[in-house]
C-alpha cells in the first residue's frame, strides 16, 4: 500500500519543519514548500492527497489564492488551512467545502493529526 502524500506550504521555516517531521512520524509521505507559488508548482507536477497550507504568506499569492487557483484544476483537493487569524472573506468561502478544514494557531500535534486523518478519510 502506498503512503498518503501531504504537501505543506508554510513560510515559517521552524513551523514547516515541525509539521513535516510530525507527519513523517505519523507515516505519511511529506513534501514542503516555503511559499504558495512554490506550492502551486509542486501541486501541478506531483499528485498529493492533502494540502496543508498557511493562510497568510508573503509573495505573489497567499494560501487561499493557492487553493482557489488549484481547485480550478482539481475541485476535490483536500485542504487543511492553518492560521492565527479569524477566518474572513475568501477563506470563509473556502471553508464551506466539505474537502476543507481549518486549524487555528497555536494547535497541538494531536489536533493536527486528527484534522489530517479526518480530511484524508473523506
PDB file of N, CA and C in Angstrom:
ATOM      1  N   UNK A   1       0.841  -1.196   0.000  1.00  0.00           N
ATOM      2  CA  UNK A   1       0.000   0.000   0.000  1.00  0.00           C
ATOM      3  C   UNK A   1       0.875   1.243   0.000  1.00  0.00           C
ATOM      4  N   UNK A   2       0.562   2.198  -0.875  1.00  0.00           N
ATOM      5  CA  UNK A   2       1.380   3.408  -0.928  1.00  0.00           C
ATOM      6  C   UNK A   2       0.971   4.368   0.181  1.00  0.00           C
ATOM      7  N   UNK A   3       1.934   5.139   0.609  1.00  0.00           N
ATOM      8  CA  UNK A   3       1.677   6.121   1.662  1.00  0.00           C
ATOM      9  C   UNK A   3       0.873   7.287   1.102  1.00  0.00           C
ATOM     10  N   UNK A   4       0.041   7.870   1.960  1.00  0.00           N
ATOM     11  CA  UNK A   4      -0.689   9.071   1.562  1.00  0.00           C
ATOM     12  C   UNK A   4       0.308  10.232   1.521  1.00  0.00           C
ATOM     13  N   UNK A   5       0.145  11.078   0.500  1.00  0.00           N
ATOM     14  CA  UNK A   5       1.092  12.169   0.267  1.00  0.00           C
ATOM     15  C   UNK A   5       0.503  13.502   0.713  1.00  0.00           C
ATOM     16  N   UNK A   6       1.288  14.242   1.482  1.00  0.00           N
ATOM     17  CA  UNK A   6       0.861  15.539   2.005  1.00  0.00           C
ATOM     18  C   UNK A   6       1.865  16.600   1.586  1.00  0.00           C
ATOM     19  N   UNK A   7       1.366  17.730   1.111  1.00  0.00           N
ATOM     20  CA  UNK A   7       2.202  18.893   0.824  1.00  0.00           C
ATOM     21  C   UNK A   7       1.928  19.949   1.879  1.00  0.00           C
ATOM     22  N   UNK A   8       2.992  20.431   2.513  1.00  0.00           N
ATOM     23  CA  UNK A   8       2.886  21.504   3.499  1.00  0.00           C
ATOM     24  C   UNK A   8       3.424  22.781   2.869  1.00  0.00           C
ATOM     25  N   UNK A   9       2.619  23.843   2.888  1.00  0.00           N
ATOM     26  CA  UNK A   9       3.055  25.149   2.392  1.00  0.00           C
ATOM     27  C   UNK A   9       3.001  26.105   3.580  1.00  0.00           C
ATOM     28  N   UNK A  10       4.172  26.482   4.053  1.00  0.00           N
ATOM     29  CA  UNK A  10       4.297  27.308   5.274  1.00  0.00           C
ATOM     30  C   UNK A  10       5.567  28.136   5.148  1.00  0.00           C
ATOM     31  N   UNK A  11       5.429  29.456   5.290  1.00  0.00           N
ATOM     32  CA  UNK A  11       6.596  30.327   5.113  1.00  0.00           C
ATOM     33  C   UNK A  11       7.529  30.334   6.315  1.00  0.00           C
ATOM     34  N   UNK A  12       7.046  29.999   7.497  1.00  0.00           N
ATOM     35  CA  UNK A  12       7.905  29.986   8.689  1.00  0.00           C
ATOM     36  C   UNK A  12       8.663  28.665   8.736  1.00  0.00           C
ATOM     37  N   UNK A  13       9.985  28.738   8.617  1.00  0.00           N
ATOM     38  CA  UNK A  13      10.827  27.544   8.498  1.00  0.00           C
ATOM     39  C   UNK A  13      10.642  26.581   9.669  1.00  0.00           C
ATOM     40  N   UNK A  14      10.668  27.083  10.904  1.00  0.00           N
ATOM     41  CA  UNK A  14      10.537  26.200  12.070  1.00  0.00           C
ATOM     42  C   UNK A  14       9.199  25.471  12.071  1.00  0.00           C
ATOM     43  N   UNK A  15       8.132  26.190  11.757  1.00  0.00           N
ATOM     44  CA  UNK A  15       6.802  25.576  11.713  1.00  0.00           C
ATOM     45  C   UNK A  15       6.732  24.533  10.598  1.00  0.00           C
ATOM     46  N   UNK A  16       7.278  24.871   9.437  1.00  0.00           N
ATOM     47  CA  UNK A  16       7.268  23.945   8.300  1.00  0.00           C
ATOM     48  C   UNK A  16       8.010  22.658   8.656  1.00  0.00           C
ATOM     49  N   UNK A  17       9.168  22.795   9.284  1.00  0.00           N
ATOM     50  CA  UNK A  17       9.960  21.619   9.659  1.00  0.00           C
ATOM     51  C   UNK A  17       9.269  20.788  10.737  1.00  0.00           C
ATOM     52  N   UNK A  18       8.643  21.454  11.700  1.00  0.00           N
ATOM     53  CA  UNK A  18       7.942  20.736  12.768  1.00  0.00           C
ATOM     54  C   UNK A  18       6.740  19.965  12.215  1.00  0.00           C
ATOM     55  N   UNK A  19       5.952  20.601  11.373  1.00  0.00           N
ATOM     56  CA  UNK A  19       4.805  19.932  10.759  1.00  0.00           C
ATOM     57  C   UNK A  19       5.262  18.742   9.913  1.00  0.00           C
ATOM     58  N   UNK A  20       6.298  18.958   9.121  1.00  0.00           N
ATOM     59  CA  UNK A  20       6.821  17.889   8.261  1.00  0.00           C
ATOM     60  C   UNK A  20       7.306  16.708   9.087  1.00  0.00           C
ATOM     61  N   UNK A  21       8.099  16.980  10.110  1.00  0.00           N
ATOM     62  CA  UNK A  21       8.654  15.905  10.942  1.00  0.00           C
ATOM     63  C   UNK A  21       7.538  15.105  11.611  1.00  0.00           C
ATOM     64  N   UNK A  22       6.537  15.806  12.138  1.00  0.00           N
ATOM     65  CA  UNK A  22       5.438  15.109  12.822  1.00  0.00           C
ATOM     66  C   UNK A  22       4.664  14.215  11.855  1.00  0.00           C
ATOM     67  N   UNK A  23       4.338  14.736  10.682  1.00  0.00           N
ATOM     68  CA  UNK A  23       3.551  13.944   9.738  1.00  0.00           C
ATOM     69  C   UNK A  23       4.365  12.789   9.157  1.00  0.00           C
ATOM     70  N   UNK A  24       5.669  12.962   9.018  1.00  0.00           N
ATOM     71  CA  UNK A  24       6.532  11.838   8.623  1.00  0.00           C
ATOM     72  C   UNK A  24       6.482  10.740   9.680  1.00  0.00           C
ATOM     73  N   UNK A  25       6.557  11.139  10.947  1.00  0.00           N
ATOM     74  CA  UNK A  25       6.468  10.173  12.053  1.00  0.00           C
ATOM     75  C   UNK A  25       5.131   9.441  12.046  1.00  0.00           C
ATOM     76  N   UNK A  26       4.091  10.122  11.587  1.00  0.00           N
ATOM     77  CA  UNK A  26       2.757   9.526  11.523  1.00  0.00           C
ATOM     78  C   UNK A  26       2.631   8.546  10.354  1.00  0.00           C
ATOM     79  N   UNK A  27       3.651   8.488   9.509  1.00  0.00           N
ATOM     80  CA  UNK A  27       3.655   7.528   8.419  1.00  0.00           C
ATOM     81  C   UNK A  27       3.270   8.059   7.054  1.00  0.00           C
ATOM     82  N   UNK A  28       3.132   9.376   6.928  1.00  0.00           N
ATOM     83  CA  UNK A  28       2.781   9.971   5.648  1.00  0.00           C
ATOM     84  C   UNK A  28       4.041  10.279   4.842  1.00  0.00           C
ATOM     85  N   UNK A  29       3.871  10.373   3.534  1.00  0.00           N
ATOM     86  CA  UNK A  29       4.927  10.893   2.668  1.00  0.00           C
ATOM     87  C   UNK A  29       4.714  12.406   2.637  1.00  0.00           C
ATOM     88  N   UNK A  30       5.752  13.179   2.922  1.00  0.00           N
ATOM     89  CA  UNK A  30       5.590  14.630   3.096  1.00  0.00           C
ATOM     90  C   UNK A  30       6.550  15.394   2.198  1.00  0.00           C
ATOM     91  N   UNK A  31       6.031  16.436   1.568  1.00  0.00           N
ATOM     92  CA  UNK A  31       6.841  17.410   0.840  1.00  0.00           C
ATOM     93  C   UNK A  31       6.502  18.772   1.431  1.00  0.00           C
ATOM     94  N   UNK A  32       7.407  19.734   1.261  1.00  0.00           N
ATOM     95  CA  UNK A  32       7.172  21.054   1.840  1.00  0.00           C
ATOM     96  C   UNK A  32       7.600  22.145   0.872  1.00  0.00           C
ATOM     97  N   UNK A  33       6.891  23.262   0.951  1.00  0.00           N
ATOM     98  CA  UNK A  33       7.205  24.447   0.156  1.00  0.00           C
ATOM     99  C   UNK A  33       7.181  25.657   1.082  1.00  0.00           C
ATOM    100  N   UNK A  34       8.019  26.638   0.787  1.00  0.00           N
ATOM    101  CA  UNK A  34       8.133  27.802   1.667  1.00  0.00           C
ATOM    102  C   UNK A  34       7.233  28.971   1.270  1.00  0.00           C
ATOM    103  N   UNK A  35       6.594  28.879   0.101  1.00  0.00           N
ATOM    104  CA  UNK A  35       5.637  29.915  -0.298  1.00  0.00           C
ATOM    105  C   UNK A  35       4.628  29.324  -1.269  1.00  0.00           C
ATOM    106  N   UNK A  36       3.526  30.030  -1.449  1.00  0.00           N
ATOM    107  CA  UNK A  36       2.397  29.494  -2.210  1.00  0.00           C
ATOM    108  C   UNK A  36       2.736  29.252  -3.678  1.00  0.00           C
ATOM    109  N   UNK A  37       3.517  30.114  -4.297  1.00  0.00           N
ATOM    110  CA  UNK A  37       3.877  29.910  -5.704  1.00  0.00           C
ATOM    111  C   UNK A  37       4.658  28.612  -5.886  1.00  0.00           C
ATOM    112  N   UNK A  38       5.576  28.330  -4.962  1.00  0.00           N
ATOM    113  CA  UNK A  38       6.329  27.079  -4.997  1.00  0.00           C
ATOM    114  C   UNK A  38       5.385  25.890  -4.785  1.00  0.00           C
ATOM    115  N   UNK A  39       4.424  26.052  -3.890  1.00  0.00           N
ATOM    116  CA  UNK A  39       3.440  25.000  -3.643  1.00  0.00           C
ATOM    117  C   UNK A  39       2.606  24.707  -4.873  1.00  0.00           C
ATOM    118  N   UNK A  40       2.219  25.743  -5.604  1.00  0.00           N
ATOM    119  CA  UNK A  40       1.413  25.560  -6.815  1.00  0.00           C
ATOM    120  C   UNK A  40       2.195  24.782  -7.871  1.00  0.00           C
ATOM    121  N   UNK A  41       3.461  25.097  -8.037  1.00  0.00           N
ATOM    122  CA  UNK A  41       4.307  24.358  -8.986  1.00  0.00           C
ATOM    123  C   UNK A  41       4.347  22.886  -8.589  1.00  0.00           C
ATOM    124  N   UNK A  42       4.554  22.626  -7.301  1.00  0.00           N
ATOM    125  CA  UNK A  42       4.615  21.251  -6.820  1.00  0.00           C
ATOM    126  C   UNK A  42       3.298  20.518  -7.091  1.00  0.00           C
ATOM    127  N   UNK A  43       2.177  21.162  -6.775  1.00  0.00           N
ATOM    128  CA  UNK A  43       0.865  20.537  -6.984  1.00  0.00           C
ATOM    129  C   UNK A  43       0.628  20.175  -8.443  1.00  0.00           C
ATOM    130  N   UNK A  44       1.131  21.001  -9.336  1.00  0.00           N
ATOM    131  CA  UNK A  44       0.926  20.740 -10.764  1.00  0.00           C
ATOM    132  C   UNK A  44       1.853  19.642 -11.281  1.00  0.00           C
ATOM    133  N   UNK A  45       2.945  19.397 -10.578  1.00  0.00           N
ATOM    134  CA  UNK A  45       3.907  18.377 -11.021  1.00  0.00           C
ATOM    135  C   UNK A  45       3.704  17.027 -10.342  1.00  0.00           C
ATOM    136  N   UNK A  46       3.162  17.010  -9.140  1.00  0.00           N
ATOM    137  CA  UNK A  46       3.039  15.782  -8.352  1.00  0.00           C
ATOM    138  C   UNK A  46       1.606  15.612  -7.874  1.00  0.00           C
ATOM    139  N   UNK A  47       1.234  14.385  -7.643  1.00  0.00           N
ATOM    140  CA  UNK A  47      -0.082  14.069  -7.077  1.00  0.00           C
ATOM    141  C   UNK A  47       0.029  14.060  -5.555  1.00  0.00           C
ATOM    142  N   UNK A  48      -0.826  14.803  -4.874  1.00  0.00           N
ATOM    143  CA  UNK A  48      -0.860  14.761  -3.413  1.00  0.00           C
ATOM    144  C   UNK A  48      -2.276  14.469  -2.958  1.00  0.00           C
ATOM    145  N   UNK A  49      -2.383  13.894  -1.757  1.00  0.00           N
ATOM    146  CA  UNK A  49      -3.687  13.562  -1.196  1.00  0.00           C
ATOM    147  C   UNK A  49      -4.249  14.683  -0.334  1.00  0.00           C
ATOM    148  N   UNK A  50      -3.353  15.519   0.209  1.00  0.00           N
ATOM    149  CA  UNK A  50      -3.786  16.589   1.113  1.00  0.00           C
ATOM    150  C   UNK A  50      -2.808  17.744   1.031  1.00  0.00           C
ATOM    151  N   UNK A  51      -3.349  18.953   0.989  1.00  0.00           N
ATOM    152  CA  UNK A  51      -2.560  20.175   1.059  1.00  0.00           C
ATOM    153  C   UNK A  51      -2.780  20.792   2.429  1.00  0.00           C
ATOM    154  N   UNK A  52      -1.690  21.029   3.154  1.00  0.00           N
ATOM    155  CA  UNK A  52      -1.737  21.758   4.422  1.00  0.00           C
ATOM    156  C   UNK A  52      -1.065  23.099   4.147  1.00  0.00           C
ATOM    157  N   UNK A  53      -1.815  24.191   4.248  1.00  0.00           N
ATOM    158  CA  UNK A  53      -1.251  25.489   3.896  1.00  0.00           C
ATOM    159  C   UNK A  53      -1.577  26.573   4.906  1.00  0.00           C
ATOM    160  N   UNK A  54      -0.569  27.398   5.167  1.00  0.00           N
ATOM    161  CA  UNK A  54      -0.779  28.601   5.951  1.00  0.00           C
ATOM    162  C   UNK A  54      -1.648  29.529   5.101  1.00  0.00           C
ATOM    163  N   UNK A  55      -2.417  30.389   5.750  1.00  0.00           N
ATOM    164  CA  UNK A  55      -3.276  31.304   5.017  1.00  0.00           C
ATOM    165  C   UNK A  55      -2.489  32.527   4.578  1.00  0.00           C
ATOM    166  N   UNK A  56      -1.827  33.182   5.508  1.00  0.00           N
ATOM    167  CA  UNK A  56      -1.098  34.419   5.204  1.00  0.00           C
ATOM    168  C   UNK A  56       0.378  34.119   5.007  1.00  0.00           C
ATOM    169  N   UNK A  57       0.862  34.442   3.799  1.00  0.00           N
ATOM    170  CA  UNK A  57       2.269  34.249   3.473  1.00  0.00           C
ATOM    171  C   UNK A  57       2.711  35.374   2.552  1.00  0.00           C
ATOM    172  N   UNK A  58       3.986  35.744   2.623  1.00  0.00           N
ATOM    173  CA  UNK A  58       4.483  36.750   1.683  1.00  0.00           C
ATOM    174  C   UNK A  58       4.568  36.165   0.276  1.00  0.00           C
ATOM    175  N   UNK A  59       4.605  37.032  -0.716  1.00  0.00           N
ATOM    176  CA  UNK A  59       4.737  36.569  -2.094  1.00  0.00           C
ATOM    177  C   UNK A  59       3.565  36.998  -2.948  1.00  0.00           C
ATOM    178  N   UNK A  60       3.555  36.485  -4.159  1.00  0.00           N
ATOM    179  CA  UNK A  60       2.533  36.864  -5.141  1.00  0.00           C
ATOM    180  C   UNK A  60       1.138  36.411  -4.741  1.00  0.00           C
ATOM    181  N   UNK A  61       1.051  35.211  -4.156  1.00  0.00           N
ATOM    182  CA  UNK A  61      -0.247  34.671  -3.758  1.00  0.00           C
ATOM    183  C   UNK A  61      -0.172  34.129  -2.334  1.00  0.00           C
ATOM    184  N   UNK A  62      -1.305  34.141  -1.648  1.00  0.00           N
ATOM    185  CA  UNK A  62      -1.342  33.583  -0.287  1.00  0.00           C
ATOM    186  C   UNK A  62      -1.949  32.180  -0.347  1.00  0.00           C
ATOM    187  N   UNK A  63      -2.150  31.577   0.808  1.00  0.00           N
ATOM    188  CA  UNK A  63      -2.662  30.213   0.861  1.00  0.00           C
ATOM    189  C   UNK A  63      -4.050  30.054   0.286  1.00  0.00           C
ATOM    190  N   UNK A  64      -4.913  31.032   0.508  1.00  0.00           N
ATOM    191  CA  UNK A  64      -6.282  30.944  -0.018  1.00  0.00           C
ATOM    192  C   UNK A  64      -6.262  31.053  -1.537  1.00  0.00           C
ATOM    193  N   UNK A  65      -5.462  31.981  -2.060  1.00  0.00           N
ATOM    194  CA  UNK A  65      -5.373  32.118  -3.515  1.00  0.00           C
ATOM    195  C   UNK A  65      -4.771  30.862  -4.152  1.00  0.00           C
ATOM    196  N   UNK A  66      -3.811  30.249  -3.477  1.00  0.00           N
ATOM    197  CA  UNK A  66      -3.238  28.989  -3.943  1.00  0.00           C
ATOM    198  C   UNK A  66      -4.342  27.950  -4.137  1.00  0.00           C
ATOM    199  N   UNK A  67      -5.202  27.829  -3.152  1.00  0.00           N
ATOM    200  CA  UNK A  67      -6.289  26.847  -3.217  1.00  0.00           C
ATOM    201  C   UNK A  67      -7.295  27.227  -4.302  1.00  0.00           C
ATOM    202  N   UNK A  68      -7.640  28.510  -4.397  1.00  0.00           N
ATOM    203  CA  UNK A  68      -8.583  28.944  -5.438  1.00  0.00           C
ATOM    204  C   UNK A  68      -8.066  28.595  -6.834  1.00  0.00           C
ATOM    205  N   UNK A  69      -6.798  28.840  -7.065  1.00  0.00           N
ATOM    206  CA  UNK A  69      -6.203  28.556  -8.371  1.00  0.00           C
ATOM    207  C   UNK A  69      -6.196  27.056  -8.635  1.00  0.00           C
ATOM    208  N   UNK A  70      -5.726  26.283  -7.665  1.00  0.00           N
ATOM    209  CA  UNK A  70      -5.580  24.852  -7.899  1.00  0.00           C
ATOM    210  C   UNK A  70      -6.917  24.111  -7.924  1.00  0.00           C
ATOM    211  N   UNK A  71      -7.913  24.624  -7.217  1.00  0.00           N
ATOM    212  CA  UNK A  71      -9.235  23.966  -7.233  1.00  0.00           C
ATOM    213  C   UNK A  71      -9.884  24.038  -8.613  1.00  0.00           C
ATOM    214  N   UNK A  72      -9.451  24.982  -9.453  1.00  0.00           N
ATOM    215  CA  UNK A  72      -9.961  25.027 -10.831  1.00  0.00           C
ATOM    216  C   UNK A  72      -9.478  23.805 -11.598  1.00  0.00           C
ATOM    217  N   UNK A  73      -8.317  23.270 -11.212  1.00  0.00           N
ATOM    218  CA  UNK A  73      -7.752  22.096 -11.868  1.00  0.00           C
ATOM    219  C   UNK A  73      -8.179  20.807 -11.163  1.00  0.00           C
ATOM    220  N   UNK A  74      -8.335  20.878  -9.868  1.00  0.00           N
ATOM    221  CA  UNK A  74      -8.703  19.691  -9.081  1.00  0.00           C
ATOM    222  C   UNK A  74      -9.702  20.113  -7.990  1.00  0.00           C
ATOM    223  N   UNK A  75     -10.989  20.131  -8.324  1.00  0.00           N
ATOM    224  CA  UNK A  75     -12.017  20.668  -7.423  1.00  0.00           C
ATOM    225  C   UNK A  75     -12.128  19.977  -6.069  1.00  0.00           C
ATOM    226  N   UNK A  76     -11.781  18.692  -6.005  1.00  0.00           N
ATOM    227  CA  UNK A  76     -11.963  17.961  -4.750  1.00  0.00           C
ATOM    228  C   UNK A  76     -10.669  17.798  -3.966  1.00  0.00           C
ATOM    229  N   UNK A  77      -9.732  18.704  -4.178  1.00  0.00           N
ATOM    230  CA  UNK A  77      -8.481  18.679  -3.421  1.00  0.00           C
ATOM    231  C   UNK A  77      -8.789  18.866  -1.940  1.00  0.00           C
ATOM    232  N   UNK A  78      -8.253  17.986  -1.109  1.00  0.00           N
ATOM    233  CA  UNK A  78      -8.438  18.119   0.344  1.00  0.00           C
ATOM    234  C   UNK A  78      -7.435  19.145   0.855  1.00  0.00           C
ATOM    235  N   UNK A  79      -7.934  20.087   1.666  1.00  0.00           N
ATOM    236  CA  UNK A  79      -7.098  21.194   2.131  1.00  0.00           C
ATOM    237  C   UNK A  79      -7.305  21.417   3.621  1.00  0.00           C
ATOM    238  N   UNK A  80      -6.187  21.548   4.337  1.00  0.00           N
ATOM    239  CA  UNK A  80      -6.210  21.947   5.736  1.00  0.00           C
ATOM    240  C   UNK A  80      -5.509  23.297   5.826  1.00  0.00           C
ATOM    241  N   UNK A  81      -6.292  24.348   6.084  1.00  0.00           N
ATOM    242  CA  UNK A  81      -5.724  25.678   6.271  1.00  0.00           C
ATOM    243  C   UNK A  81      -5.240  25.803   7.713  1.00  0.00           C
ATOM    244  N   UNK A  82      -4.121  26.501   7.910  1.00  0.00           N
ATOM    245  CA  UNK A  82      -3.653  26.822   9.254  1.00  0.00           C
ATOM    246  C   UNK A  82      -3.440  28.334   9.324  1.00  0.00           C
ATOM    247  N   UNK A  83      -3.904  28.920  10.416  1.00  0.00           N
ATOM    248  CA  UNK A  83      -3.787  30.371  10.553  1.00  0.00           C
ATOM    249  C   UNK A  83      -3.928  30.781  12.007  1.00  0.00           C
ATOM    250  N   UNK A  84      -3.359  31.921  12.313  1.00  0.00           N
ATOM    251  CA  UNK A  84      -3.509  32.502  13.647  1.00  0.00           C
ATOM    252  C   UNK A  84      -4.642  33.529  13.670  1.00  0.00           C
ATOM    253  N   UNK A  85      -5.225  33.776  12.520  1.00  0.00           N
ATOM    254  CA  UNK A  85      -6.228  34.832  12.394  1.00  0.00           C
ATOM    255  C   UNK A  85      -7.630  34.250  12.226  1.00  0.00           C
ATOM    256  N   UNK A  86      -8.653  35.012  12.636  1.00  0.00           N
ATOM    257  CA  UNK A  86     -10.029  34.548  12.430  1.00  0.00           C
ATOM    258  C   UNK A  86     -10.338  34.459  10.939  1.00  0.00           C
ATOM    259  N   UNK A  87     -11.097  33.446  10.528  1.00  0.00           N
ATOM    260  CA  UNK A  87     -11.428  33.334   9.104  1.00  0.00           C
ATOM    261  C   UNK A  87     -12.314  34.485   8.649  1.00  0.00           C
ATOM    262  N   UNK A  88     -12.007  35.003   7.464  1.00  0.00           N
ATOM    263  CA  UNK A  88     -12.825  36.064   6.892  1.00  0.00           C
ATOM    264  C   UNK A  88     -12.729  36.001   5.375  1.00  0.00           C
ATOM    265  N   UNK A  89     -13.589  36.726   4.697  1.00  0.00           N
ATOM    266  CA  UNK A  89     -13.546  36.869   3.247  1.00  0.00           C
ATOM    267  C   UNK A  89     -13.472  35.566   2.485  1.00  0.00           C
ATOM    268  N   UNK A  90     -12.440  35.478   1.636  1.00  0.00           N
ATOM    269  CA  UNK A  90     -12.286  34.318   0.749  1.00  0.00           C
ATOM    270  C   UNK A  90     -12.069  33.030   1.531  1.00  0.00           C
ATOM    271  N   UNK A  91     -11.432  33.121   2.693  1.00  0.00           N
ATOM    272  CA  UNK A  91     -11.209  31.924   3.497  1.00  0.00           C
ATOM    273  C   UNK A  91     -12.545  31.348   3.962  1.00  0.00           C
ATOM    274  N   UNK A  92     -13.464  32.197   4.407  1.00  0.00           N
ATOM    275  CA  UNK A  92     -14.786  31.712   4.834  1.00  0.00           C
ATOM    276  C   UNK A  92     -15.470  30.952   3.708  1.00  0.00           C
ATOM    277  N   UNK A  93     -15.346  31.471   2.487  1.00  0.00           N
ATOM    278  CA  UNK A  93     -15.957  30.808   1.328  1.00  0.00           C
ATOM    279  C   UNK A  93     -15.325  29.436   1.126  1.00  0.00           C
ATOM    280  N   UNK A  94     -14.003  29.334   1.209  1.00  0.00           N
ATOM    281  CA  UNK A  94     -13.320  28.053   1.028  1.00  0.00           C
ATOM    282  C   UNK A  94     -13.729  27.039   2.102  1.00  0.00           C
ATOM    283  N   UNK A  95     -14.000  27.524   3.294  1.00  0.00           N
ATOM    284  CA  UNK A  95     -14.336  26.632   4.410  1.00  0.00           C
ATOM    285  C   UNK A  95     -15.723  26.004   4.268  1.00  0.00           C
ATOM    286  N   UNK A  96     -16.496  26.446   3.296  1.00  0.00           N
ATOM    287  CA  UNK A  96     -17.807  25.827   3.080  1.00  0.00           C
ATOM    288  C   UNK A  96     -17.677  24.496   2.335  1.00  0.00           C
ATOM    289  N   UNK A  97     -16.509  24.219   1.770  1.00  0.00           N
ATOM    290  CA  UNK A  97     -16.293  22.958   1.057  1.00  0.00           C
ATOM    291  C   UNK A  97     -16.111  21.817   2.052  1.00  0.00           C
ATOM    292  N   UNK A  98     -16.708  20.667   1.754  1.00  0.00           N
ATOM    293  CA  UNK A  98     -16.533  19.506   2.634  1.00  0.00           C
ATOM    294  C   UNK A  98     -15.112  18.972   2.553  1.00  0.00           C
ATOM    295  N   UNK A  99     -14.341  19.412   1.584  1.00  0.00           N
ATOM    296  CA  UNK A  99     -12.963  18.963   1.387  1.00  0.00           C
ATOM    297  C   UNK A  99     -11.964  19.842   2.133  1.00  0.00           C
ATOM    298  N   UNK A 100     -12.461  20.728   2.995  1.00  0.00           N
ATOM    299  CA  UNK A 100     -11.611  21.739   3.625  1.00  0.00           C
ATOM    300  C   UNK A 100     -11.850  21.801   5.124  1.00  0.00           C
ATOM    301  N   UNK A 101     -10.772  22.071   5.875  1.00  0.00           N
ATOM    302  CA  UNK A 101     -10.885  22.291   7.311  1.00  0.00           C
ATOM    303  C   UNK A 101      -9.888  23.382   7.703  1.00  0.00           C
ATOM    304  N   UNK A 102      -9.965  23.819   8.942  1.00  0.00           N
ATOM    305  CA  UNK A 102      -9.129  24.907   9.451  1.00  0.00           C
ATOM    306  C   UNK A 102      -8.613  24.555  10.834  1.00  0.00           C
ATOM    307  N   UNK A 103      -7.330  24.782  11.047  1.00  0.00           N
ATOM    308  CA  UNK A 103      -6.732  24.699  12.382  1.00  0.00           C
ATOM    309  C   UNK A 103      -6.234  26.084  12.744  1.00  0.00           C
ATOM    310  N   UNK A 104      -6.656  26.556  13.910  1.00  0.00           N
ATOM    311  CA  UNK A 104      -6.205  27.872  14.386  1.00  0.00           C
ATOM    312  C   UNK A 104      -4.929  27.705  15.198  1.00  0.00           C
ATOM    313  N   UNK A 105      -3.912  28.508  14.881  1.00  0.00           N
ATOM    314  CA  UNK A 105      -2.658  28.522  15.639  1.00  0.00           C
ATOM    315  C   UNK A 105      -2.895  29.226  16.958  1.00  0.00           C
ATOM    316  N   UNK A 106      -2.314  28.783  18.028  1.00  0.00           N
ATOM    317  CA  UNK A 106      -1.497  27.581  18.129  1.00  0.00           C
ATOM    318  C   UNK A 106      -2.383  26.341  18.261  1.00  0.00           C
ATOM    319  N   UNK A 107      -1.928  25.235  17.694  1.00  0.00           N
ATOM    320  CA  UNK A 107      -2.645  23.971  17.803  1.00  0.00           C
ATOM    321  C   UNK A 107      -1.652  22.901  18.234  1.00  0.00           C
ATOM    322  N   UNK A 108      -2.177  21.820  18.788  1.00  0.00           N
ATOM    323  CA  UNK A 108      -1.311  20.730  19.230  1.00  0.00           C
ATOM    324  C   UNK A 108      -1.056  19.776  18.060  1.00  0.00           C
ATOM    325  N   UNK A 109      -0.017  18.980  18.199  1.00  0.00           N
ATOM    326  CA  UNK A 109       0.268  17.980  17.164  1.00  0.00           C
ATOM    327  C   UNK A 109      -0.839  16.930  17.101  1.00  0.00           C
ATOM    328  N   UNK A 110      -1.473  16.649  18.233  1.00  0.00           N
ATOM    329  CA  UNK A 110      -2.619  15.736  18.229  1.00  0.00           C
ATOM    330  C   UNK A 110      -3.778  16.316  17.415  1.00  0.00           C
ATOM    331  N   UNK A 111      -4.017  17.624  17.560  1.00  0.00           N
ATOM    332  CA  UNK A 111      -5.076  18.269  16.772  1.00  0.00           C
ATOM    333  C   UNK A 111      -4.740  18.205  15.282  1.00  0.00           C
ATOM    334  N   UNK A 112      -3.464  18.408  14.953  1.00  0.00           N
ATOM    335  CA  UNK A 112      -3.028  18.304  13.564  1.00  0.00           C
ATOM    336  C   UNK A 112      -3.289  16.899  13.037  1.00  0.00           C
ATOM    337  N   UNK A 113      -2.863  15.900  13.781  1.00  0.00           N
ATOM    338  CA  UNK A 113      -3.048  14.506  13.362  1.00  0.00           C
ATOM    339  C   UNK A 113      -4.523  14.186  13.133  1.00  0.00           C
ATOM    340  N   UNK A 114      -5.370  14.631  14.036  1.00  0.00           N
ATOM    341  CA  UNK A 114      -6.804  14.374  13.918  1.00  0.00           C
ATOM    342  C   UNK A 114      -7.414  15.039  12.699  1.00  0.00           C
ATOM    343  N   UNK A 115      -7.054  16.294  12.461  1.00  0.00           N
ATOM    344  CA  UNK A 115      -7.599  17.025  11.313  1.00  0.00           C
ATOM    345  C   UNK A 115      -7.122  16.412  10.000  1.00  0.00           C
ATOM    346  N   UNK A 116      -5.857  16.021   9.936  1.00  0.00           N
ATOM    347  CA  UNK A 116      -5.306  15.392   8.734  1.00  0.00           C
ATOM    348  C   UNK A 116      -6.032  14.084   8.439  1.00  0.00           C
ATOM    349  N   UNK A 117      -6.160  13.235   9.466  1.00  0.00           N
ATOM    350  CA  UNK A 117      -6.809  11.938   9.273  1.00  0.00           C
ATOM    351  C   UNK A 117      -8.262  12.115   8.841  1.00  0.00           C
ATOM    352  N   UNK A 118      -8.964  13.054   9.471  1.00  0.00           N
ATOM    353  CA  UNK A 118     -10.377  13.280   9.148  1.00  0.00           C
ATOM    354  C   UNK A 118     -10.545  13.682   7.695  1.00  0.00           C
ATOM    355  N   UNK A 119      -9.685  14.584   7.216  1.00  0.00           N
ATOM    356  CA  UNK A 119      -9.789  15.014   5.827  1.00  0.00           C
ATOM    357  C   UNK A 119      -9.428  13.889   4.867  1.00  0.00           C
ATOM    358  N   UNK A 120      -8.400  13.132   5.178  1.00  0.00           N
ATOM    359  CA  UNK A 120      -7.987  12.047   4.284  1.00  0.00           C
ATOM    360  C   UNK A 120      -9.032  10.934   4.223  1.00  0.00           C
ATOM    361  N   UNK A 121      -9.818  10.793   5.266  1.00  0.00           N
ATOM    362  CA  UNK A 121     -10.846   9.746   5.290  1.00  0.00           C
ATOM    363  C   UNK A 121     -12.120  10.151   4.544  1.00  0.00           C
ATOM    364  N   UNK A 122     -12.227  11.390   4.098  1.00  0.00           N
ATOM    365  CA  UNK A 122     -13.449  11.843   3.380  1.00  0.00           C
ATOM    366  C   UNK A 122     -13.451  11.319   1.972  1.00  0.00           C
TER     367      UNK A 122
END
